[in-house]
C-alpha atoms as a PDB file:
ATOM      1  CA  UNK A   1     -16.044  27.950  81.741  1.00  0.00           C
ATOM      2  CA  UNK A   2     -18.540  30.520  80.409  1.00  0.00           C
ATOM      3  CA  UNK A   3     -20.781  30.202  76.955  1.00  0.00           C
ATOM      4  CA  UNK A   4     -20.678  33.214  75.056  1.00  0.00           C
ATOM      5  CA  UNK A   5     -23.396  31.808  72.757  1.00  0.00           C
ATOM      6  CA  UNK A   6     -26.001  30.457  73.291  1.00  0.00           C
ATOM      7  CA  UNK A   7     -26.733  26.711  72.096  1.00  0.00           C
ATOM      8  CA  UNK A   8     -30.908  27.086  71.953  1.00  0.00           C
ATOM      9  CA  UNK A   9     -31.557  29.398  69.399  1.00  0.00           C
ATOM     10  CA  UNK A  10     -34.302  30.698  71.406  1.00  0.00           C
ATOM     11  CA  UNK A  11     -34.922  34.645  71.331  1.00  0.00           C
ATOM     12  CA  UNK A  12     -34.447  35.964  74.595  1.00  0.00           C
ATOM     13  CA  UNK A  13     -35.061  39.183  75.983  1.00  0.00           C
ATOM     14  CA  UNK A  14     -32.440  40.800  78.294  1.00  0.00           C
ATOM     15  CA  UNK A  15     -32.306  43.973  80.543  1.00  0.00           C
ATOM     16  CA  UNK A  16     -29.241  46.164  79.720  1.00  0.00           C
ATOM     17  CA  UNK A  17     -28.129  48.376  82.619  1.00  0.00           C
ATOM     18  CA  UNK A  18     -24.615  50.000  83.478  1.00  0.00           C
ATOM     19  CA  UNK A  19     -22.877  51.465  86.655  1.00  0.00           C
ATOM     20  CA  UNK A  20     -20.026  53.979  87.089  1.00  0.00           C
ATOM     21  CA  UNK A  21     -17.310  51.638  88.689  1.00  0.00           C
ATOM     22  CA  UNK A  22     -16.091  52.305  91.952  1.00  0.00           C
ATOM     23  CA  UNK A  23     -13.088  53.607  92.788  1.00  0.00           C
ATOM     24  CA  UNK A  24     -10.490  51.445  93.706  1.00  0.00           C
ATOM     25  CA  UNK A  25      -6.340  50.778  93.202  1.00  0.00           C
ATOM     26  CA  UNK A  26      -5.474  48.043  90.863  1.00  0.00           C
ATOM     27  CA  UNK A  27      -3.619  46.806  87.730  1.00  0.00           C
ATOM     28  CA  UNK A  28      -5.552  47.323  84.813  1.00  0.00           C
ATOM     29  CA  UNK A  29      -4.665  44.470  82.445  1.00  0.00           C
ATOM     30  CA  UNK A  30      -5.118  44.693  78.436  1.00  0.00           C
ATOM     31  CA  UNK A  31      -2.813  42.365  76.923  1.00  0.00           C
ATOM     32  CA  UNK A  32      -2.059  42.824  73.515  1.00  0.00           C
ATOM     33  CA  UNK A  33      -1.460  39.401  72.556  1.00  0.00           C
ATOM     34  CA  UNK A  34      -1.433  37.694  68.979  1.00  0.00           C
ATOM     35  CA  UNK A  35      -3.830  34.273  68.721  1.00  0.00           C
ATOM     36  CA  UNK A  36      -1.496  31.365  69.569  1.00  0.00           C
ATOM     37  CA  UNK A  37      -2.655  27.492  68.895  1.00  0.00           C
ATOM     38  CA  UNK A  38      -2.653  25.152  71.016  1.00  0.00           C
ATOM     39  CA  UNK A  39       0.304  23.064  71.931  1.00  0.00           C
ATOM     40  CA  UNK A  40      -0.873  18.688  72.057  1.00  0.00           C
ATOM     41  CA  UNK A  41       2.243  17.697  72.386  1.00  0.00           C
ATOM     42  CA  UNK A  42       1.923  18.534  76.408  1.00  0.00           C
ATOM     43  CA  UNK A  43      -0.949  15.802  76.552  1.00  0.00           C
ATOM     44  CA  UNK A  44       0.178  12.492  76.932  1.00  0.00           C
ATOM     45  CA  UNK A  45      -0.550  10.088  73.843  1.00  0.00           C
ATOM     46  CA  UNK A  46      -2.469   7.476  76.221  1.00  0.00           C
ATOM     47  CA  UNK A  47      -4.921  10.053  77.974  1.00  0.00           C
ATOM     48  CA  UNK A  48      -8.444  10.077  76.155  1.00  0.00           C
ATOM     49  CA  UNK A  49      -9.391  13.120  74.206  1.00  0.00           C
ATOM     50  CA  UNK A  50     -12.499  14.909  73.779  1.00  0.00           C
ATOM     51  CA  UNK A  51     -13.583  15.292  70.034  1.00  0.00           C
ATOM     52  CA  UNK A  52     -12.249  18.882  69.593  1.00  0.00           C
ATOM     53  CA  UNK A  53      -9.209  18.118  71.076  1.00  0.00           C
ATOM     54  CA  UNK A  54      -7.811  17.764  67.638  1.00  0.00           C
ATOM     55  CA  UNK A  55      -9.174  19.775  65.205  1.00  0.00           C
ATOM     56  CA  UNK A  56     -10.312  22.433  67.505  1.00  0.00           C
ATOM     57  CA  UNK A  57     -14.065  22.262  65.362  1.00  0.00           C
ATOM     58  CA  UNK A  58     -17.333  22.569  66.981  1.00  0.00           C
ATOM     59  CA  UNK A  59     -18.484  19.592  68.884  1.00  0.00           C
ATOM     60  CA  UNK A  60     -21.615  18.044  68.363  1.00  0.00           C
ATOM     61  CA  UNK A  61     -24.142  19.004  71.010  1.00  0.00           C
ATOM     62  CA  UNK A  62     -27.500  17.674  71.202  1.00  0.00           C
ATOM     63  CA  UNK A  63     -30.311  20.033  70.198  1.00  0.00           C
ATOM     64  CA  UNK A  64     -32.029  20.108  73.867  1.00  0.00           C
ATOM     65  CA  UNK A  65     -30.772  19.389  77.203  1.00  0.00           C
ATOM     66  CA  UNK A  66     -30.085  15.836  78.313  1.00  0.00           C
ATOM     67  CA  UNK A  67     -31.764  13.989  80.964  1.00  0.00           C
ATOM     68  CA  UNK A  68     -28.842  11.570  81.770  1.00  0.00           C
ATOM     69  CA  UNK A  69     -28.500   7.844  83.078  1.00  0.00           C
ATOM     70  CA  UNK A  70     -27.399   6.975  86.457  1.00  0.00           C
ATOM     71  CA  UNK A  71     -24.409   5.398  85.082  1.00  0.00           C
ATOM     72  CA  UNK A  72     -23.707   8.608  83.075  1.00  0.00           C
ATOM     73  CA  UNK A  73     -24.138  10.876  86.649  1.00  0.00           C
ATOM     74  CA  UNK A  74     -21.799   9.095  88.424  1.00  0.00           C
ATOM     75  CA  UNK A  75     -19.225   9.393  85.927  1.00  0.00           C
ATOM     76  CA  UNK A  76     -20.150  13.448  85.376  1.00  0.00           C
ATOM     77  CA  UNK A  77     -19.852  13.122  89.220  1.00  0.00           C
ATOM     78  CA  UNK A  78     -16.207  11.875  89.254  1.00  0.00           C
ATOM     79  CA  UNK A  79     -15.405  14.263  86.561  1.00  0.00           C
ATOM     80  CA  UNK A  80     -16.466  17.151  89.258  1.00  0.00           C
ATOM     81  CA  UNK A  81     -14.875  15.710  92.010  1.00  0.00           C
ATOM     82  CA  UNK A  82     -11.334  15.804  89.716  1.00  0.00           C
ATOM     83  CA  UNK A  83     -11.944  19.308  88.435  1.00  0.00           C
ATOM     84  CA  UNK A  84     -13.121  20.201  92.517  1.00  0.00           C
ATOM     85  CA  UNK A  85      -9.562  18.725  93.362  1.00  0.00           C
ATOM     86  CA  UNK A  86      -7.585  20.309  90.513  1.00  0.00           C
ATOM     87  CA  UNK A  87      -9.371  24.061  91.682  1.00  0.00           C
ATOM     88  CA  UNK A  88      -8.605  23.914  95.146  1.00  0.00           C
ATOM     89  CA  UNK A  89      -4.643  22.976  94.197  1.00  0.00           C
ATOM     90  CA  UNK A  90      -5.126  26.098  91.338  1.00  0.00           C
ATOM     91  CA  UNK A  91      -5.769  28.376  94.275  1.00  0.00           C
ATOM     92  CA  UNK A  92      -2.815  26.757  96.644  1.00  0.00           C
ATOM     93  CA  UNK A  93      -0.645  28.150  93.415  1.00  0.00           C
ATOM     94  CA  UNK A  94      -2.086  31.860  93.924  1.00  0.00           C
ATOM     95  CA  UNK A  95       0.709  33.797  95.270  1.00  0.00           C
ATOM     96  CA  UNK A  96       2.305  37.523  94.841  1.00  0.00           C
ATOM     97  CA  UNK A  97       5.706  36.617  92.191  1.00  0.00           C
ATOM     98  CA  UNK A  98       3.496  34.142  90.626  1.00  0.00           C
ATOM     99  CA  UNK A  99       2.777  33.951  86.714  1.00  0.00           C
ATOM    100  CA  UNK A 100      -0.924  32.296  85.283  1.00  0.00           C
ATOM    101  CA  UNK A 101       1.144  30.262  82.585  1.00  0.00           C
ATOM    102  CA  UNK A 102       3.144  28.895  85.847  1.00  0.00           C
ATOM    103  CA  UNK A 103       0.079  27.911  86.965  1.00  0.00           C
ATOM    104  CA  UNK A 104      -1.403  26.741  84.015  1.00  0.00           C
ATOM    105  CA  UNK A 105       1.421  24.638  83.723  1.00  0.00           C
ATOM    106  CA  UNK A 106       1.354  22.912  87.154  1.00  0.00           C
ATOM    107  CA  UNK A 107      -2.416  22.374  87.091  1.00  0.00           C
ATOM    108  CA  UNK A 108      -2.088  20.817  83.029  1.00  0.00           C
ATOM    109  CA  UNK A 109       0.534  18.009  85.199  1.00  0.00           C
ATOM    110  CA  UNK A 110      -1.996  17.680  88.164  1.00  0.00           C
ATOM    111  CA  UNK A 111      -5.139  16.925  85.523  1.00  0.00           C
ATOM    112  CA  UNK A 112      -2.905  14.840  83.342  1.00  0.00           C
ATOM    113  CA  UNK A 113      -1.486  12.868  86.634  1.00  0.00           C
ATOM    114  CA  UNK A 114      -4.700  11.869  87.269  1.00  0.00           C
ATOM    115  CA  UNK A 115      -5.462  10.260  83.498  1.00  0.00           C
ATOM    116  CA  UNK A 116      -7.722  13.386  82.175  1.00  0.00           C
ATOM    117  CA  UNK A 117      -7.725  15.802  79.570  1.00  0.00           C
ATOM    118  CA  UNK A 118      -7.764  19.134  80.584  1.00  0.00           C
ATOM    119  CA  UNK A 119     -11.315  20.249  78.613  1.00  0.00           C
ATOM    120  CA  UNK A 120     -10.262  24.000  77.702  1.00  0.00           C
ATOM    121  CA  UNK A 121      -7.293  23.255  76.120  1.00  0.00           C
ATOM    122  CA  UNK A 122      -7.923  23.280  72.001  1.00  0.00           C
ATOM    123  CA  UNK A 123     -11.448  23.556  72.795  1.00  0.00           C
ATOM    124  CA  UNK A 124     -12.810  26.350  69.663  1.00  0.00           C
ATOM    125  CA  UNK A 125      -8.497  27.046  69.743  1.00  0.00           C
ATOM    126  CA  UNK A 126      -8.119  27.750  73.128  1.00  0.00           C
ATOM    127  CA  UNK A 127      -4.403  27.712  73.580  1.00  0.00           C
ATOM    128  CA  UNK A 128      -4.392  26.915  77.274  1.00  0.00           C
ATOM    129  CA  UNK A 129      -5.471  24.157  79.879  1.00  0.00           C
ATOM    130  CA  UNK A 130      -7.090  26.392  82.218  1.00  0.00           C
ATOM    131  CA  UNK A 131      -8.192  30.407  81.913  1.00  0.00           C
ATOM    132  CA  UNK A 132      -6.806  32.768  84.458  1.00  0.00           C
ATOM    133  CA  UNK A 133      -8.995  36.265  84.584  1.00  0.00           C
ATOM    134  CA  UNK A 134      -7.288  38.660  86.346  1.00  0.00           C
ATOM    135  CA  UNK A 135      -9.123  42.449  87.936  1.00  0.00           C
ATOM    136  CA  UNK A 136     -10.779  43.622  84.864  1.00  0.00           C
ATOM    137  CA  UNK A 137     -10.802  40.786  82.932  1.00  0.00           C
ATOM    138  CA  UNK A 138     -14.500  38.816  82.611  1.00  0.00           C
ATOM    139  CA  UNK A 139     -13.369  35.830  81.012  1.00  0.00           C
ATOM    140  CA  UNK A 140     -11.127  33.511  79.539  1.00  0.00           C
ATOM    141  CA  UNK A 141      -8.057  35.174  79.886  1.00  0.00           C
ATOM    142  CA  UNK A 142      -5.304  33.149  78.472  1.00  0.00           C
ATOM    143  CA  UNK A 143      -2.429  32.491  80.809  1.00  0.00           C
ATOM    144  CA  UNK A 144       0.864  34.458  80.408  1.00  0.00           C
ATOM    145  CA  UNK A 145       4.095  35.906  81.751  1.00  0.00           C
ATOM    146  CA  UNK A 146       2.531  38.156  83.423  1.00  0.00           C
ATOM    147  CA  UNK A 147       3.516  38.014  87.298  1.00  0.00           C
ATOM    148  CA  UNK A 148       0.234  38.232  90.206  1.00  0.00           C
ATOM    149  CA  UNK A 149       1.290  41.370  92.404  1.00  0.00           C
ATOM    150  CA  UNK A 150      -0.706  41.727  95.792  1.00  0.00           C
ATOM    151  CA  UNK A 151      -3.956  43.313  96.057  1.00  0.00           C
ATOM    152  CA  UNK A 152      -5.084  41.271  92.314  1.00  0.00           C
ATOM    153  CA  UNK A 153      -8.177  38.680  92.412  1.00  0.00           C
ATOM    154  CA  UNK A 154      -8.016  36.454  89.891  1.00  0.00           C
ATOM    155  CA  UNK A 155     -10.559  33.697  88.801  1.00  0.00           C
ATOM    156  CA  UNK A 156      -9.269  30.112  87.547  1.00  0.00           C
ATOM    157  CA  UNK A 157     -11.616  28.153  85.673  1.00  0.00           C
ATOM    158  CA  UNK A 158     -10.840  24.653  85.552  1.00  0.00           C
ATOM    159  CA  UNK A 159     -12.995  21.997  83.204  1.00  0.00           C
ATOM    160  CA  UNK A 160     -11.229  18.302  83.125  1.00  0.00           C
ATOM    161  CA  UNK A 161     -12.389  15.687  80.623  1.00  0.00           C
ATOM    162  CA  UNK A 162     -12.376  11.824  82.401  1.00  0.00           C
ATOM    163  CA  UNK A 163     -13.729   8.496  81.138  1.00  0.00           C
ATOM    164  CA  UNK A 164     -15.778  10.443  77.983  1.00  0.00           C
ATOM    165  CA  UNK A 165     -17.169  12.952  80.248  1.00  0.00           C
ATOM    166  CA  UNK A 166     -16.294  16.530  81.533  1.00  0.00           C
ATOM    167  CA  UNK A 167     -16.681  18.630  85.213  1.00  0.00           C
ATOM    168  CA  UNK A 168     -16.386  22.086  85.539  1.00  0.00           C
ATOM    169  CA  UNK A 169     -15.579  24.571  87.886  1.00  0.00           C
ATOM    170  CA  UNK A 170     -14.566  27.928  88.987  1.00  0.00           C
ATOM    171  CA  UNK A 171     -13.354  30.551  91.707  1.00  0.00           C
ATOM    172  CA  UNK A 172     -11.877  34.043  92.108  1.00  0.00           C
ATOM    173  CA  UNK A 173      -9.154  33.947  94.465  1.00  0.00           C
ATOM    174  CA  UNK A 174      -7.175  37.186  96.663  1.00  0.00           C
ATOM    175  CA  UNK A 175      -3.632  37.292  95.108  1.00  0.00           C
ATOM    176  CA  UNK A 176      -2.099  38.106  98.889  1.00  0.00           C
ATOM    177  CA  UNK A 177      -4.251  41.385 100.588  1.00  0.00           C
ATOM    178  CA  UNK A 178      -6.956  42.885  98.908  1.00  0.00           C
ATOM    179  CA  UNK A 179      -8.946  45.518  99.265  1.00  0.00           C
ATOM    180  CA  UNK A 180     -12.547  46.073 100.956  1.00  0.00           C
ATOM    181  CA  UNK A 181     -14.353  46.378  97.744  1.00  0.00           C
ATOM    182  CA  UNK A 182     -12.662  43.684  96.194  1.00  0.00           C
ATOM    183  CA  UNK A 183     -13.855  41.138  98.968  1.00  0.00           C
ATOM    184  CA  UNK A 184     -17.173  42.531  99.195  1.00  0.00           C
ATOM    185  CA  UNK A 185     -17.089  41.579  94.647  1.00  0.00           C
ATOM    186  CA  UNK A 186     -16.018  38.341  95.931  1.00  0.00           C
ATOM    187  CA  UNK A 187     -18.914  37.957  98.479  1.00  0.00           C
ATOM    188  CA  UNK A 188     -21.353  39.211  96.607  1.00  0.00           C
ATOM    189  CA  UNK A 189     -20.632  36.889  93.837  1.00  0.00           C
ATOM    190  CA  UNK A 190     -20.223  33.468  95.846  1.00  0.00           C
ATOM    191  CA  UNK A 191     -23.684  34.335  97.478  1.00  0.00           C
ATOM    192  CA  UNK A 192     -25.299  34.995  93.877  1.00  0.00           C
ATOM    193  CA  UNK A 193     -24.320  31.580  92.898  1.00  0.00           C
ATOM    194  CA  UNK A 194     -25.376  30.109  95.910  1.00  0.00           C
ATOM    195  CA  UNK A 195     -29.147  32.319  95.314  1.00  0.00           C
ATOM    196  CA  UNK A 196     -29.369  31.261  92.114  1.00  0.00           C
ATOM    197  CA  UNK A 197     -28.692  26.943  92.839  1.00  0.00           C
ATOM    198  CA  UNK A 198     -31.232  27.608  95.352  1.00  0.00           C
ATOM    199  CA  UNK A 199     -33.805  28.046  93.041  1.00  0.00           C
ATOM    200  CA  UNK A 200     -32.709  25.035  90.470  1.00  0.00           C
ATOM    201  CA  UNK A 201     -35.511  21.894  91.272  1.00  0.00           C
ATOM    202  CA  UNK A 202     -37.134  19.864  88.825  1.00  0.00           C
ATOM    203  CA  UNK A 203     -40.146  21.593  87.161  1.00  0.00           C
ATOM    204  CA  UNK A 204     -38.219  25.090  87.816  1.00  0.00           C
ATOM    205  CA  UNK A 205     -38.073  27.555  84.808  1.00  0.00           C
ATOM    206  CA  UNK A 206     -34.335  28.236  83.846  1.00  0.00           C
ATOM    207  CA  UNK A 207     -35.156  32.214  83.356  1.00  0.00           C
ATOM    208  CA  UNK A 208     -35.760  32.015  87.697  1.00  0.00           C
ATOM    209  CA  UNK A 209     -31.754  31.439  88.183  1.00  0.00           C
ATOM    210  CA  UNK A 210     -30.911  34.769  86.163  1.00  0.00           C
ATOM    211  CA  UNK A 211     -33.992  36.459  88.252  1.00  0.00           C
ATOM    212  CA  UNK A 212     -32.758  35.507  91.476  1.00  0.00           C
ATOM    213  CA  UNK A 213     -28.643  36.539  91.001  1.00  0.00           C
ATOM    214  CA  UNK A 214     -29.651  39.593  89.218  1.00  0.00           C
ATOM    215  CA  UNK A 215     -31.820  40.778  92.279  1.00  0.00           C
ATOM    216  CA  UNK A 216     -28.987  40.213  94.846  1.00  0.00           C
ATOM    217  CA  UNK A 217     -26.186  41.563  92.539  1.00  0.00           C
ATOM    218  CA  UNK A 218     -28.350  44.835  92.042  1.00  0.00           C
ATOM    219  CA  UNK A 219     -29.341  45.042  95.817  1.00  0.00           C
ATOM    220  CA  UNK A 220     -25.545  45.245  96.367  1.00  0.00           C
ATOM    221  CA  UNK A 221     -25.090  47.641  93.558  1.00  0.00           C
ATOM    222  CA  UNK A 222     -23.306  45.475  91.489  1.00  0.00           C
ATOM    223  CA  UNK A 223     -24.052  44.234  87.772  1.00  0.00           C
ATOM    224  CA  UNK A 224     -23.858  40.597  86.265  1.00  0.00           C
ATOM    225  CA  UNK A 225     -22.472  40.352  83.002  1.00  0.00           C
ATOM    226  CA  UNK A 226     -24.594  39.123  80.982  1.00  0.00           C
ATOM    227  CA  UNK A 227     -23.473  37.874  77.559  1.00  0.00           C
ATOM    228  CA  UNK A 228     -21.259  35.059  79.886  1.00  0.00           C
ATOM    229  CA  UNK A 229     -24.038  32.173  80.405  1.00  0.00           C
ATOM    230  CA  UNK A 230     -23.498  28.472  82.217  1.00  0.00           C
ATOM    231  CA  UNK A 231     -24.503  25.844  80.249  1.00  0.00           C
ATOM    232  CA  UNK A 232     -25.569  21.876  79.544  1.00  0.00           C
ATOM    233  CA  UNK A 233     -22.437  19.654  80.086  1.00  0.00           C
ATOM    234  CA  UNK A 234     -21.239  16.147  79.987  1.00  0.00           C
ATOM    235  CA  UNK A 235     -20.474  13.980  76.826  1.00  0.00           C
ATOM    236  CA  UNK A 236     -20.049  17.602  75.786  1.00  0.00           C
ATOM    237  CA  UNK A 237     -18.435  20.527  76.860  1.00  0.00           C
ATOM    238  CA  UNK A 238     -20.564  23.317  76.028  1.00  0.00           C
ATOM    239  CA  UNK A 239     -24.866  22.939  75.183  1.00  0.00           C
ATOM    240  CA  UNK A 240     -28.180  22.854  76.004  1.00  0.00           C
ATOM    241  CA  UNK A 241     -29.410  24.458  78.381  1.00  0.00           C
ATOM    242  CA  UNK A 242     -28.391  28.337  78.477  1.00  0.00           C
ATOM    243  CA  UNK A 243     -28.265  29.668  82.165  1.00  0.00           C
ATOM    244  CA  UNK A 244     -28.220  33.682  82.106  1.00  0.00           C
ATOM    245  CA  UNK A 245     -27.410  35.246  85.337  1.00  0.00           C
ATOM    246  CA  UNK A 246     -29.457  38.303  84.689  1.00  0.00           C
ATOM    247  CA  UNK A 247     -33.342  38.904  83.899  1.00  0.00           C
ATOM    248  CA  UNK A 248     -33.976  36.909  80.816  1.00  0.00           C
ATOM    249  CA  UNK A 249     -36.880  35.215  78.885  1.00  0.00           C
ATOM    250  CA  UNK A 250     -35.478  31.848  77.954  1.00  0.00           C
ATOM    251  CA  UNK A 251     -37.802  29.219  77.735  1.00  0.00           C
ATOM    252  CA  UNK A 252     -38.226  25.761  79.689  1.00  0.00           C
ATOM    253  CA  UNK A 253     -38.295  24.076  82.737  1.00  0.00           C
ATOM    254  CA  UNK A 254     -35.803  21.985  84.699  1.00  0.00           C
ATOM    255  CA  UNK A 255     -35.989  18.099  85.189  1.00  0.00           C
ATOM    256  CA  UNK A 256     -34.179  15.433  87.351  1.00  0.00           C
ATOM    257  CA  UNK A 257     -31.516  13.998  85.538  1.00  0.00           C
ATOM    258  CA  UNK A 258     -30.198  17.396  83.586  1.00  0.00           C
ATOM    259  CA  UNK A 259     -26.791  18.788  84.478  1.00  0.00           C
ATOM    260  CA  UNK A 260     -25.490  22.292  83.986  1.00  0.00           C
ATOM    261  CA  UNK A 261     -23.096  24.990  85.293  1.00  0.00           C
ATOM    262  CA  UNK A 262     -24.106  27.933  86.926  1.00  0.00           C
ATOM    263  CA  UNK A 263     -21.731  30.123  86.878  1.00  0.00           C
ATOM    264  CA  UNK A 264     -22.247  34.236  87.437  1.00  0.00           C
ATOM    265  CA  UNK A 265     -19.725  36.895  86.377  1.00  0.00           C
ATOM    266  CA  UNK A 266     -20.873  40.167  88.424  1.00  0.00           C
ATOM    267  CA  UNK A 267     -19.058  43.386  87.809  1.00  0.00           C
ATOM    268  CA  UNK A 268     -18.209  46.127  90.390  1.00  0.00           C
ATOM    269  CA  UNK A 269     -18.938  48.721  87.297  1.00  0.00           C
ATOM    270  CA  UNK A 270     -20.780  48.266  83.298  1.00  0.00           C
ATOM    271  CA  UNK A 271     -21.692  45.008  82.301  1.00  0.00           C
ATOM    272  CA  UNK A 272     -20.693  45.588  79.082  1.00  0.00           C
ATOM    273  CA  UNK A 273     -17.234  43.572  77.734  1.00  0.00           C
ATOM    274  CA  UNK A 274     -15.248  43.910  74.733  1.00  0.00           C
ATOM    275  CA  UNK A 275     -13.099  41.174  73.700  1.00  0.00           C
ATOM    276  CA  UNK A 276      -9.377  41.543  72.949  1.00  0.00           C
ATOM    277  CA  UNK A 277      -6.792  40.898  69.662  1.00  0.00           C
ATOM    278  CA  UNK A 278      -6.155  36.977  70.917  1.00  0.00           C
ATOM    279  CA  UNK A 279      -9.827  36.668  70.687  1.00  0.00           C
ATOM    280  CA  UNK A 280     -10.505  35.322  73.796  1.00  0.00           C
ATOM    281  CA  UNK A 281      -9.761  37.743  76.648  1.00  0.00           C
ATOM    282  CA  UNK A 282     -12.842  39.557  77.554  1.00  0.00           C
ATOM    283  CA  UNK A 283     -12.813  42.713  79.170  1.00  0.00           C
ATOM    284  CA  UNK A 284     -14.808  45.032  80.508  1.00  0.00           C
ATOM    285  CA  UNK A 285     -15.750  48.126  79.066  1.00  0.00           C
ATOM    286  CA  UNK A 286     -14.904  50.884  81.716  1.00  0.00           C
ATOM    287  CA  UNK A 287     -11.976  48.387  83.327  1.00  0.00           C
ATOM    288  CA  UNK A 288     -13.883  47.895  86.280  1.00  0.00           C
ATOM    289  CA  UNK A 289     -13.493  44.407  87.996  1.00  0.00           C
ATOM    290  CA  UNK A 290     -15.359  41.108  88.211  1.00  0.00           C
ATOM    291  CA  UNK A 291     -15.130  38.231  90.193  1.00  0.00           C
ATOM    292  CA  UNK A 292     -16.898  34.876  88.779  1.00  0.00           C
ATOM    293  CA  UNK A 293     -17.988  31.291  90.908  1.00  0.00           C
ATOM    294  CA  UNK A 294     -18.661  28.143  88.838  1.00  0.00           C
ATOM    295  CA  UNK A 295     -20.574  24.808  89.951  1.00  0.00           C
ATOM    296  CA  UNK A 296     -21.858  22.182  88.031  1.00  0.00           C
ATOM    297  CA  UNK A 297     -25.449  20.781  89.639  1.00  0.00           C
ATOM    298  CA  UNK A 298     -27.395  17.848  89.100  1.00  0.00           C
ATOM    299  CA  UNK A 299     -31.527  18.225  89.078  1.00  0.00           C
ATOM    300  CA  UNK A 300     -32.897  15.955  91.367  1.00  0.00           C
ATOM    301  CA  UNK A 301     -36.300  14.599  92.496  1.00  0.00           C
ATOM    302  CA  UNK A 302     -35.791  16.235  95.690  1.00  0.00           C
ATOM    303  CA  UNK A 303     -33.892  18.959  94.819  1.00  0.00           C
ATOM    304  CA  UNK A 304     -30.247  19.478  93.746  1.00  0.00           C
ATOM    305  CA  UNK A 305     -26.816  18.171  93.921  1.00  0.00           C
ATOM    306  CA  UNK A 306     -23.831  20.478  93.658  1.00  0.00           C
ATOM    307  CA  UNK A 307     -21.252  18.087  91.987  1.00  0.00           C
ATOM    308  CA  UNK A 308     -18.286  20.048  92.034  1.00  0.00           C
ATOM    309  CA  UNK A 309     -18.142  20.586  95.939  1.00  0.00           C
END
């Protein structure tokens, strides 16, 4: 799940540009939903919950990136493996006529049946267990009663809290048959993620991830949503380091034992977004489509381990 604001407090220089969206035939979503509260009664009492679950208040996070111990890494790895299985299950539910609210309910039951808590539920007040972002919704789409239709693309973002640790991943899926331009957007987004992860290694600057992703997106005439960041993860859901997916000057270098997400959100048009009345749904200002894919990665002494495969 993307981080909107960074945690480091560092002064980071970013570089803004936008382009004209390509033509295409797809549904533009601008849901006018009032803010709603999370219903924690859907979670059995025996499920271990993160500290924010009951209050919805911000969790305490470290000021600097954490170098995790081996036993902690093992538990994060288990959480990430469950997140991967959950996302695969969510993908199997995607088809025309299904509502994202139905997907949310089925996925929540899958997570709970595996002894975990759906991390987004009541994180800073988020009302559902997953986010489902369709077409022009760039991030944090709240599952609702709209039925998916042929030609939609939908990003499903899954995070689970298991044995005191979070695991996070997402991907964008086609609903039935989609346009070639939508398929290109999804493919380039996945390439951007692979290229960004390929940069990661002990001693490398965090900012190199965004530089590599930006270069590939721009080469394919796409742009990256600058304000949607990857983030450190572990006992906390969102924490340092901040992972930008654009040109940036974020300070610091990776160290073996650090764990964070890489999750570029790529737009076929303008990279700017605005938030709707519910306070969560982020849409592109020109209604262009976006795609996003996310992995949680571990920096090792020999390179990188993708935990959510």
